[in-house]
């Protein structure tokens, strides 16, 4: 558990680890000199639980902390937990049983990203490390380059210690993106990996101090891909293609973060220039193309003029955010129903929660949806909604059927001006912006 100044989340994270159903675990927290009270909290856990060991690390880099932890680990398998996240109670028991059964170098489950709102409300989305994972897949990773396009995180699995000790994290300065090189090494060298459709990990997205927000992040990404080059040179052209496709994906992801911030990160200029140069080479030699890179147009625009590309993305995001604010202001102070309890509806519910707007309920035509559990408010029929609150406002979050739903509500007697379409989609940067405000 690499750690630095995690006081806001350390207790909930540690509780999720020490309460694992598999009790025979060693918990190594590698702290790089926290000064916000985190060390004092960890000392209490260390005093109460003999399995907890705090390793005091120099403040060098995330990679340095990870290498320290792996060097000290004595267990048969190694798991990784970020200290602002939460893990499921059965994570290690479940993954360990599968690892022993399959004699695998690693076993991974699925995760959920989450945003925590007021009153415990959270919006969640799935993170699946294997394409079209329905149940369980056993693979030979080193013969499956395309795995790297879906398997993007370290913390959703466990790794055989002997295998993990062959993986060397890059130790360049900084605390960001040094998992990229480690993941590449893992996938291109593992003889057996297992992916299972079982929730094991909860990945926090509402930590405003996370590395994703770092203005030097392009440079960190560029350095990490420099590091990976030494491994790519020894591999086939398929691995080279995956290398460039992941670089393109990371670059566009960083561009979206920068665009949402509204500021062009001059601190990342050298990294941006280096990534653009490498991606231009890949496009010129058709290593990445329209067939294998869905965002090729965006990648090409980025390589040709990073600043212009930033402006396009920034303006797109501002338009979305203005549209969201317009919807929020139009319903503020009114009784509100969200029509649609699917992903768009629950996403919009989180937007409302972050701005303090209350919702009466979801309404939905789908009977199966109305029987679902786990939502913080009920799901009722449109007829019940209109009967309960004739003058309520309806935000329609079923993008495919907005026109039909509007006709349905008008037919039930709802004032047409009280029906507002939500067609912005699921842009997590909108939540990040609302959290900042």
Protein backbone atom coordinates (compact mmCIF):
# COMPACT_ATOMS: atom_id res chain seq x y z
CA UNK A 1 0.00 0.00 0.00
CA UNK A 2 1.99 3.02 -1.24
CA UNK A 3 1.03 6.01 0.87
CA UNK A 4 1.60 9.75 1.19
CA UNK A 5 -0.64 12.23 3.03
CA UNK A 6 -3.85 10.20 2.80
CA UNK A 7 -5.49 11.37 6.04
CA UNK A 8 -8.88 11.96 4.43
CA UNK A 9 -9.26 8.34 3.32
CA UNK A 10 -6.73 6.22 5.22
CA UNK A 11 -9.09 4.92 7.93
CA UNK A 12 -11.78 3.67 5.57
CA UNK A 13 -9.14 2.15 3.32
CA UNK A 14 -7.32 0.39 6.16
CA UNK A 15 -10.59 -0.90 7.62
CA UNK A 16 -11.47 -2.50 4.29
CA UNK A 17 -8.08 -4.25 4.26
CA UNK A 18 -7.87 -5.48 7.86
CA UNK A 19 -11.46 -6.81 7.67
CA UNK A 20 -10.70 -9.17 4.80
CA UNK A 21 -12.32 -12.61 5.08
CA UNK A 22 -8.85 -14.03 4.35
CA UNK A 23 -7.12 -13.24 7.64
CA UNK A 24 -3.69 -14.71 6.84
CA UNK A 25 -2.34 -11.60 5.16
CA UNK A 26 0.60 -9.28 5.65
CA UNK A 27 -0.24 -5.57 5.29
CA UNK A 28 2.72 -3.43 4.22
CA UNK A 29 2.13 0.32 4.12
CA UNK A 30 5.03 2.09 2.43
CA UNK A 31 4.78 5.70 3.58
CA UNK A 32 6.92 8.37 1.92
CA UNK A 33 6.91 10.82 4.81
CA UNK A 34 3.29 11.84 5.41
CA UNK A 35 2.92 15.06 7.43
CA UNK A 36 -0.88 15.36 7.62
CA UNK A 37 -1.58 12.89 10.45
CA UNK A 38 -1.59 9.76 8.28
CA UNK A 39 1.43 8.28 10.09
CA UNK A 40 -0.22 8.69 13.47
CA UNK A 41 -3.30 6.83 12.23
CA UNK A 42 -1.13 4.07 10.77
CA UNK A 43 0.75 3.76 14.07
CA UNK A 44 -2.56 2.99 15.81
CA UNK A 45 -3.38 0.27 13.29
CA UNK A 46 0.15 -1.14 13.65
CA UNK A 47 -0.25 -1.21 17.43
CA UNK A 48 -3.64 -2.98 17.31
CA UNK A 49 -2.98 -5.43 14.46
CA UNK A 50 0.26 -7.42 14.22
CA UNK A 51 -0.28 -7.96 10.49
CA UNK A 52 0.19 -4.23 9.78
CA UNK A 53 3.75 -3.03 9.13
CA UNK A 54 4.60 0.57 8.22
CA UNK A 55 7.72 0.91 6.09
CA UNK A 56 9.19 4.41 6.12
CA UNK A 57 10.31 5.25 2.61
CA UNK A 58 12.24 8.14 1.17
CA UNK A 59 10.07 10.54 -0.83
CA UNK A 60 11.30 9.58 -4.26
CA UNK A 61 8.48 8.20 -6.39
CA UNK A 62 5.51 5.86 -6.52
CA UNK A 63 7.71 3.36 -8.38
CA UNK A 64 10.31 3.47 -5.62
CA UNK A 65 7.65 2.77 -3.00
CA UNK A 66 6.28 -0.14 -5.02
CA UNK A 67 9.71 -1.69 -5.47
CA UNK A 68 10.28 -1.32 -1.71
CA UNK A 69 7.01 -3.04 -0.92
CA UNK A 70 7.63 -5.95 -3.29
CA UNK A 71 11.13 -6.42 -1.87
CA UNK A 72 9.76 -6.65 1.70
CA UNK A 73 6.76 -8.87 0.94
CA UNK A 74 6.92 -12.43 2.28
CA UNK A 75 3.54 -13.73 1.13
CA UNK A 76 2.87 -16.24 -1.60
CA UNK A 77 0.92 -13.65 -3.60
CA UNK A 78 1.04 -9.85 -3.65
CA UNK A 79 -1.93 -7.50 -3.86
CA UNK A 80 -1.82 -3.72 -4.29
CA UNK A 81 -4.23 -1.26 -2.65
CA UNK A 82 -4.15 2.50 -3.16
CA UNK A 83 -4.76 4.28 0.15
CA UNK A 84 -7.73 6.34 -1.04
CA UNK A 85 -9.63 3.28 -2.32
CA UNK A 86 -11.73 0.51 -0.77
CA UNK A 87 -11.69 -3.23 -1.36
CA UNK A 88 -14.45 -5.82 -1.13
CA UNK A 89 -14.41 -8.00 1.98
CA UNK A 90 -13.77 -11.20 0.01
CA UNK A 91 -11.24 -9.77 -2.46
CA UNK A 92 -8.13 -11.63 -1.38
CA UNK A 93 -9.89 -14.85 -0.36
CA UNK A 94 -11.64 -15.06 -3.72
CA UNK A 95 -8.61 -14.19 -5.84
CA UNK A 96 -6.27 -16.43 -3.83
CA UNK A 97 -8.55 -19.48 -4.20
CA UNK A 98 -8.62 -18.92 -7.96
CA UNK A 99 -4.85 -18.37 -8.13
CA UNK A 100 -4.16 -21.67 -6.33
CA UNK A 101 -6.73 -23.55 -8.39
CA UNK A 102 -5.32 -22.26 -11.68
CA UNK A 103 -1.64 -22.00 -10.65
CA UNK A 104 -1.66 -18.55 -12.27
CA UNK A 105 0.91 -15.77 -12.34
CA UNK A 106 -1.94 -13.39 -11.63
CA UNK A 107 -5.71 -13.32 -11.12
CA UNK A 108 -7.87 -10.23 -11.61
CA UNK A 109 -11.49 -9.35 -10.87
CA UNK A 110 -13.60 -6.41 -11.92
CA UNK A 111 -13.70 -3.03 -10.20
CA UNK A 112 -16.04 -0.10 -9.84
CA UNK A 113 -15.03 3.51 -10.06
CA UNK A 114 -17.02 5.66 -7.68
CA UNK A 115 -17.78 9.25 -6.75
CA UNK A 116 -18.91 9.85 -3.19
CA UNK A 117 -21.59 12.49 -2.73
CA UNK A 118 -23.52 13.98 0.14
CA UNK A 119 -25.22 11.63 2.59
CA UNK A 120 -23.26 8.61 1.40
CA UNK A 121 -24.69 8.69 -2.13
CA UNK A 122 -22.25 7.31 -4.70
CA UNK A 123 -22.26 7.03 -8.48
CA UNK A 124 -20.52 3.91 -9.76
CA UNK A 125 -19.34 2.63 -13.09
CA UNK A 126 -17.76 -0.73 -14.01
CA UNK A 127 -14.07 -1.22 -14.83
CA UNK A 128 -13.62 -4.53 -16.65
CA UNK A 129 -10.03 -5.65 -17.39
CA UNK A 130 -10.91 -8.11 -20.16
CA UNK A 131 -12.94 -7.57 -23.35
CA UNK A 132 -16.48 -8.99 -23.14
CA UNK A 133 -15.80 -10.72 -19.82
CA UNK A 134 -18.93 -12.74 -18.93
CA UNK A 135 -17.67 -15.26 -16.38
CA UNK A 136 -14.05 -16.41 -16.28
CA UNK A 137 -11.23 -16.37 -18.84
CA UNK A 138 -7.87 -18.12 -18.53
CA UNK A 139 -5.27 -16.65 -20.88
CA UNK A 140 -1.60 -16.73 -21.82
CA UNK A 141 -0.89 -13.00 -21.50
CA UNK A 142 2.53 -12.98 -23.16
CA UNK A 143 0.89 -14.35 -26.31
CA UNK A 144 -2.02 -11.90 -26.14
CA UNK A 145 -0.81 -8.32 -26.83
CA UNK A 146 -4.35 -6.91 -27.09
CA UNK A 147 -4.88 -7.68 -23.39
CA UNK A 148 -2.92 -4.51 -22.70
CA UNK A 149 -5.65 -2.42 -24.30
CA UNK A 150 -8.20 -3.47 -21.65
CA UNK A 151 -6.09 -4.33 -18.62
CA UNK A 152 -5.19 -0.86 -17.36
CA UNK A 153 -4.83 -1.19 -13.58
CA UNK A 154 -2.61 -3.01 -11.10
CA UNK A 155 -4.81 -2.98 -8.03
CA UNK A 156 -7.65 -5.23 -9.21
CA UNK A 157 -5.68 -8.45 -8.81
CA UNK A 158 -3.05 -10.48 -7.01
CA UNK A 159 0.31 -11.59 -8.41
CA UNK A 160 2.53 -14.54 -7.62
CA UNK A 161 5.40 -13.15 -5.54
CA UNK A 162 8.14 -14.91 -7.51
CA UNK A 163 6.67 -13.50 -10.71
CA UNK A 164 6.15 -9.99 -9.30
CA UNK A 165 9.76 -9.85 -8.12
CA UNK A 166 10.81 -9.92 -11.79
CA UNK A 167 8.83 -6.73 -12.44
CA UNK A 168 10.71 -3.47 -11.92
CA UNK A 169 8.79 -0.23 -11.49
CA UNK A 170 10.28 2.88 -13.03
CA UNK A 171 11.66 5.06 -10.22
CA UNK A 172 11.79 8.42 -11.92
CA UNK A 173 10.65 11.36 -9.79
CA UNK A 174 6.94 11.84 -9.26
CA UNK A 175 4.00 9.85 -8.04
CA UNK A 176 2.09 9.41 -11.27
CA UNK A 177 1.63 6.81 -14.02
CA UNK A 178 4.48 4.51 -13.02
CA UNK A 179 2.02 1.63 -13.08
CA UNK A 180 1.96 1.85 -16.92
CA UNK A 181 5.41 0.32 -17.32
CA UNK A 182 4.79 -2.30 -14.65
CA UNK A 183 1.54 -3.38 -16.29
CA UNK A 184 3.24 -3.67 -19.67
CA UNK A 185 5.94 -5.91 -18.16
CA UNK A 186 3.33 -8.05 -16.39
CA UNK A 187 1.20 -8.71 -19.47
CA UNK A 188 4.08 -9.29 -21.88
CA UNK A 189 5.84 -11.78 -19.57
CA UNK A 190 3.12 -13.67 -17.65
CA UNK A 191 2.60 -17.29 -18.68
CA UNK A 192 -0.87 -17.59 -17.20
CA UNK A 193 -3.45 -15.01 -16.17
CA UNK A 194 -7.05 -15.30 -15.04
CA UNK A 195 -9.84 -12.74 -15.38
CA UNK A 196 -13.07 -13.24 -13.43
CA UNK A 197 -16.35 -11.33 -13.49
CA UNK A 198 -16.44 -10.76 -9.74
CA UNK A 199 -16.34 -7.35 -8.02
CA UNK A 200 -13.20 -6.98 -5.90
CA UNK A 201 -12.15 -3.32 -5.84
CA UNK A 202 -13.64 0.18 -5.46
CA UNK A 203 -11.63 2.89 -7.21
CA UNK A 204 -12.16 6.40 -5.83
CA UNK A 205 -12.59 9.17 -8.40
CA UNK A 206 -13.44 12.12 -6.14
CA UNK A 207 -9.96 12.69 -4.70
CA UNK A 208 -8.99 16.12 -6.04
CA UNK A 209 -5.34 15.59 -5.02
CA UNK A 210 -4.97 12.45 -7.16
CA UNK A 211 -2.20 12.33 -9.78
CA UNK A 212 -4.70 12.69 -12.64
CA UNK A 213 -4.91 16.41 -11.88
CA UNK A 214 -1.14 16.99 -11.95
CA UNK A 215 -0.11 19.65 -14.47
CA UNK A 216 3.07 17.68 -15.23
CA UNK A 217 1.10 14.55 -16.06
CA UNK A 218 1.88 14.54 -19.81
CA UNK A 219 5.57 14.57 -18.93
CA UNK A 220 5.13 11.68 -16.50
CA UNK A 221 3.31 9.70 -19.17
CA UNK A 222 6.02 10.46 -21.75
CA UNK A 223 8.77 9.32 -19.38
CA UNK A 224 6.90 6.10 -18.69
CA UNK A 225 6.61 5.28 -22.38
CA UNK A 226 10.33 5.95 -22.76
CA UNK A 227 10.83 3.33 -20.05
CA UNK A 228 8.62 0.80 -21.83
CA UNK A 229 10.60 1.10 -25.08
CA UNK A 230 13.32 -1.19 -23.73
CA UNK A 231 10.78 -3.99 -23.41
CA UNK A 232 9.02 -3.32 -26.73
CA UNK A 233 12.27 -3.66 -28.67
CA UNK A 234 12.45 -7.34 -27.69
CA UNK A 235 8.88 -8.11 -28.75
CA UNK A 236 6.87 -8.61 -31.95
CA UNK A 237 5.29 -5.90 -34.09
CA UNK A 238 1.92 -6.67 -32.45
CA UNK A 239 3.34 -5.47 -29.14
CA UNK A 240 4.72 -2.35 -30.82
CA UNK A 241 1.23 -1.58 -32.14
CA UNK A 242 -0.30 -2.03 -28.68
CA UNK A 243 2.43 0.19 -27.25
CA UNK A 244 1.44 3.06 -29.56
CA UNK A 245 -2.31 2.46 -29.13
CA UNK A 246 -1.98 2.71 -25.34
CA UNK A 247 0.16 5.83 -25.73
CA UNK A 248 -2.54 7.38 -27.92
CA UNK A 249 -5.24 6.48 -25.39
CA UNK A 250 -3.26 7.94 -22.48
CA UNK A 251 -2.50 11.12 -24.43
CA UNK A 252 -6.16 11.76 -25.28
CA UNK A 253 -7.14 10.98 -21.69
CA UNK A 254 -4.65 13.58 -20.43
CA UNK A 255 -5.92 16.04 -23.05
CA UNK A 256 -9.46 15.65 -21.69
CA UNK A 257 -8.29 16.30 -18.13
CA UNK A 258 -6.36 19.38 -19.26
CA UNK A 259 -9.34 20.62 -21.28
CA UNK A 260 -11.70 20.21 -18.32
CA UNK A 261 -9.27 22.23 -16.17
CA UNK A 262 -9.54 25.09 -18.70
CA UNK A 263 -5.79 25.68 -18.55
CA UNK A 264 -3.09 24.63 -21.00
CA UNK A 265 -0.42 22.97 -18.88
CA UNK A 266 2.87 24.61 -19.85
CA UNK A 267 4.54 22.40 -17.22
CA UNK A 268 3.85 19.46 -19.56
CA UNK A 269 5.18 21.05 -22.76
CA UNK A 270 8.21 18.77 -23.11
CA UNK A 271 6.09 15.69 -22.45
CA UNK A 272 3.43 16.82 -24.93
CA UNK A 273 6.08 17.43 -27.61
CA UNK A 274 7.61 14.00 -27.06
CA UNK A 275 4.28 12.18 -27.17
CA UNK A 276 3.28 14.06 -30.32
CA UNK A 277 6.54 13.12 -32.02
CA UNK A 278 6.12 9.42 -31.22
CA UNK A 279 2.46 9.34 -32.22
CA UNK A 280 3.21 11.18 -35.48
CA UNK A 281 5.69 8.43 -36.30
CA UNK A 282 3.09 5.74 -35.54
CA UNK A 283 0.47 7.44 -37.74
CA UNK A 284 2.93 8.06 -40.59
CA UNK A 285 3.94 4.39 -40.63
CA UNK A 286 0.31 3.23 -40.20
CA UNK A 287 1.15 1.41 -36.98
CA UNK A 288 -2.00 3.06 -35.67
CA UNK A 289 -4.78 3.72 -38.16
CA UNK A 290 -8.53 4.19 -38.49
CA UNK A 291 -9.15 0.45 -38.16
CA UNK A 292 -7.39 -0.07 -34.82
CA UNK A 293 -7.61 3.40 -33.26
CA UNK A 294 -11.19 4.70 -32.75
CA UNK A 295 -9.92 8.15 -31.81
CA UNK A 296 -7.46 8.50 -34.66
CA UNK A 297 -8.88 11.90 -35.74
CA UNK A 298 -8.37 13.27 -32.22
CA UNK A 299 -4.88 11.78 -32.01
CA UNK A 300 -3.91 13.28 -35.36
CA UNK A 301 -5.30 16.69 -34.37
CA UNK A 302 -3.28 16.46 -31.12
CA UNK A 303 -0.02 15.63 -32.92
CA UNK A 304 -0.45 18.40 -35.50
CA UNK A 305 -1.23 21.19 -33.05
CA UNK A 306 -1.55 20.31 -29.34
CA UNK A 307 -2.76 23.76 -28.31
CA UNK A 308 -5.48 23.94 -30.99
CA UNK A 309 -6.53 20.44 -29.98
CA UNK A 310 -6.74 21.57 -26.37
CA UNK A 311 -8.95 24.51 -27.38
CA UNK A 312 -11.35 22.22 -29.26
CA UNK A 313 -11.65 19.85 -26.30
CA UNK A 314 -11.93 22.75 -23.85
CA UNK A 315 -14.77 24.37 -25.82
CA UNK A 316 -16.60 21.03 -26.12
CA UNK A 317 -16.37 20.54 -22.38
CA UNK A 318 -17.46 24.12 -21.62
CA UNK A 319 -20.52 23.65 -23.84
CA UNK A 320 -21.43 20.48 -21.96
CA UNK A 321 -20.91 22.10 -18.58
CA UNK A 322 -22.95 25.17 -19.53
CA UNK A 323 -25.75 22.91 -20.74
CA UNK A 324 -25.63 20.95 -17.46
CA UNK A 325 -25.74 24.19 -15.44
CA UNK A 326 -28.70 25.37 -17.49
CA UNK A 327 -30.61 22.18 -16.64
CA UNK A 328 -29.69 22.48 -12.96
CA UNK A 329 -30.85 26.08 -12.77
CA UNK A 330 -34.12 25.35 -14.58
CA UNK A 331 -35.15 22.73 -12.00
CA UNK A 332 -33.72 24.32 -8.85
CA UNK A 333 -36.47 25.06 -6.34
CA UNK A 334 -38.95 22.66 -7.99
CA UNK A 335 -40.09 19.12 -7.27
CA UNK A 336 -38.07 16.91 -9.61
CA UNK A 337 -38.35 13.40 -11.02
CA UNK A 338 -35.63 11.77 -13.09
CA UNK A 339 -37.19 9.75 -15.90
CA UNK A 340 -34.88 6.76 -16.39
CA UNK A 341 -33.00 4.81 -13.73
CA UNK A 342 -30.22 3.60 -16.01
CA UNK A 343 -26.66 4.85 -16.24
CA UNK A 344 -27.58 8.30 -17.56
CA UNK A 345 -30.25 8.75 -14.90
CA UNK A 346 -28.05 7.69 -12.00
CA UNK A 347 -25.22 9.85 -13.36
CA UNK A 348 -27.51 12.89 -13.46
CA UNK A 349 -28.70 12.02 -9.94
CA UNK A 350 -25.07 12.32 -8.81
CA UNK A 351 -24.79 15.72 -10.51
CA UNK A 352 -27.82 16.85 -8.53
CA UNK A 353 -26.44 15.46 -5.28
CA UNK A 354 -23.20 17.40 -5.76
CA UNK A 355 -25.18 20.64 -6.17
CA UNK A 356 -27.64 20.07 -3.33
CA UNK A 357 -30.75 19.56 -5.47
CA UNK A 358 -33.22 17.01 -4.08
CA UNK A 359 -35.06 14.47 -6.22
CA UNK A 360 -38.47 12.94 -5.45
CA UNK A 361 -37.82 9.63 -7.21
CA UNK A 362 -36.88 7.99 -10.48
CA UNK A 363 -39.70 7.04 -12.77
CA UNK A 364 -39.30 4.36 -15.41
CA UNK A 365 -41.43 2.38 -17.84
CA UNK A 366 -39.25 -0.71 -17.35
CA UNK A 367 -40.83 -2.95 -14.71
CA UNK A 368 -37.53 -4.78 -14.13
CA UNK A 369 -35.87 -1.47 -13.31
CA UNK A 370 -38.62 -0.65 -10.81
CA UNK A 371 -37.84 -3.88 -8.95
CA UNK A 372 -34.10 -3.15 -8.70
CA UNK A 373 -32.54 -2.63 -5.28
CA UNK A 374 -29.64 -0.51 -4.14
CA UNK A 375 -30.67 2.95 -5.33
CA UNK A 376 -31.01 5.71 -2.74
CA UNK A 377 -34.50 6.72 -3.95
CA UNK A 378 -37.44 4.70 -5.24
CA UNK A 379 -38.38 3.96 -8.85
CA UNK A 380 -42.05 4.46 -9.67
CA UNK A 381 -44.29 4.46 -12.74
CA UNK A 382 -44.80 7.71 -14.67
CA UNK A 383 -48.50 7.50 -13.84
CA UNK A 384 -47.73 7.38 -10.10
CA UNK A 385 -45.32 10.30 -10.43
CA UNK A 386 -47.91 12.51 -12.15
CA UNK A 387 -50.58 11.53 -9.63
CA UNK A 388 -48.30 12.27 -6.65
CA UNK A 389 -46.91 15.60 -7.93
CA UNK A 390 -48.90 17.03 -10.87
CA UNK A 391 -46.66 20.12 -11.16
CA UNK A 392 -43.29 18.39 -10.89
CA UNK A 393 -40.44 18.80 -13.38
CA UNK A 394 -39.15 15.76 -15.30
CA UNK A 395 -35.57 15.38 -16.48
CA UNK A 396 -35.62 12.73 -19.19
CA UNK A 397 -32.37 10.75 -19.04
CA UNK A 398 -33.23 8.03 -21.56
CA UNK A 399 -31.39 9.48 -24.52
CA UNK A 400 -32.73 7.07 -27.14
CA UNK A 401 -36.40 7.73 -26.36
CA UNK A 402 -36.56 11.40 -25.33
CA UNK A 403 -39.23 12.29 -27.93
CA UNK A 404 -41.46 9.31 -27.09
CA UNK A 405 -41.18 9.92 -23.33
CA UNK A 406 -42.01 13.59 -23.79
CA UNK A 407 -45.19 12.61 -25.70
CA UNK A 408 -46.05 10.11 -22.95
CA UNK A 409 -45.69 12.69 -20.18
CA UNK A 410 -47.67 15.34 -22.07
CA UNK A 411 -50.36 12.71 -22.58
CA UNK A 412 -50.47 12.20 -18.81
CA UNK A 413 -51.07 15.93 -18.32
CA UNK A 414 -47.52 17.19 -17.65
CA UNK A 415 -46.82 20.75 -18.78
CA UNK A 416 -44.45 20.56 -21.76
CA UNK A 417 -42.22 23.26 -20.24
CA UNK A 418 -41.69 20.98 -17.23
CA UNK A 419 -40.05 18.28 -19.39
CA UNK A 420 -36.29 18.73 -19.81
CA UNK A 421 -34.08 16.38 -21.85
CA UNK A 422 -30.75 15.24 -20.42
CA UNK A 423 -28.68 14.34 -23.49
CA UNK A 424 -25.18 15.27 -22.34
CA UNK A 425 -24.11 11.70 -21.64
CA UNK A 426 -21.68 10.29 -19.10
CA UNK A 427 -18.71 12.62 -18.89
CA UNK A 428 -16.90 12.01 -15.61
CA UNK A 429 -15.16 15.36 -15.96
CA UNK A 430 -18.51 17.02 -15.31
CA UNK A 431 -18.55 15.38 -11.88
CA UNK A 432 -14.96 16.41 -11.25
CA UNK A 433 -15.86 20.01 -12.09
CA UNK A 434 -18.91 19.94 -9.80
CA UNK A 435 -16.78 18.50 -6.98
CA UNK A 436 -14.28 21.35 -7.38
CA UNK A 437 -17.10 23.90 -7.13
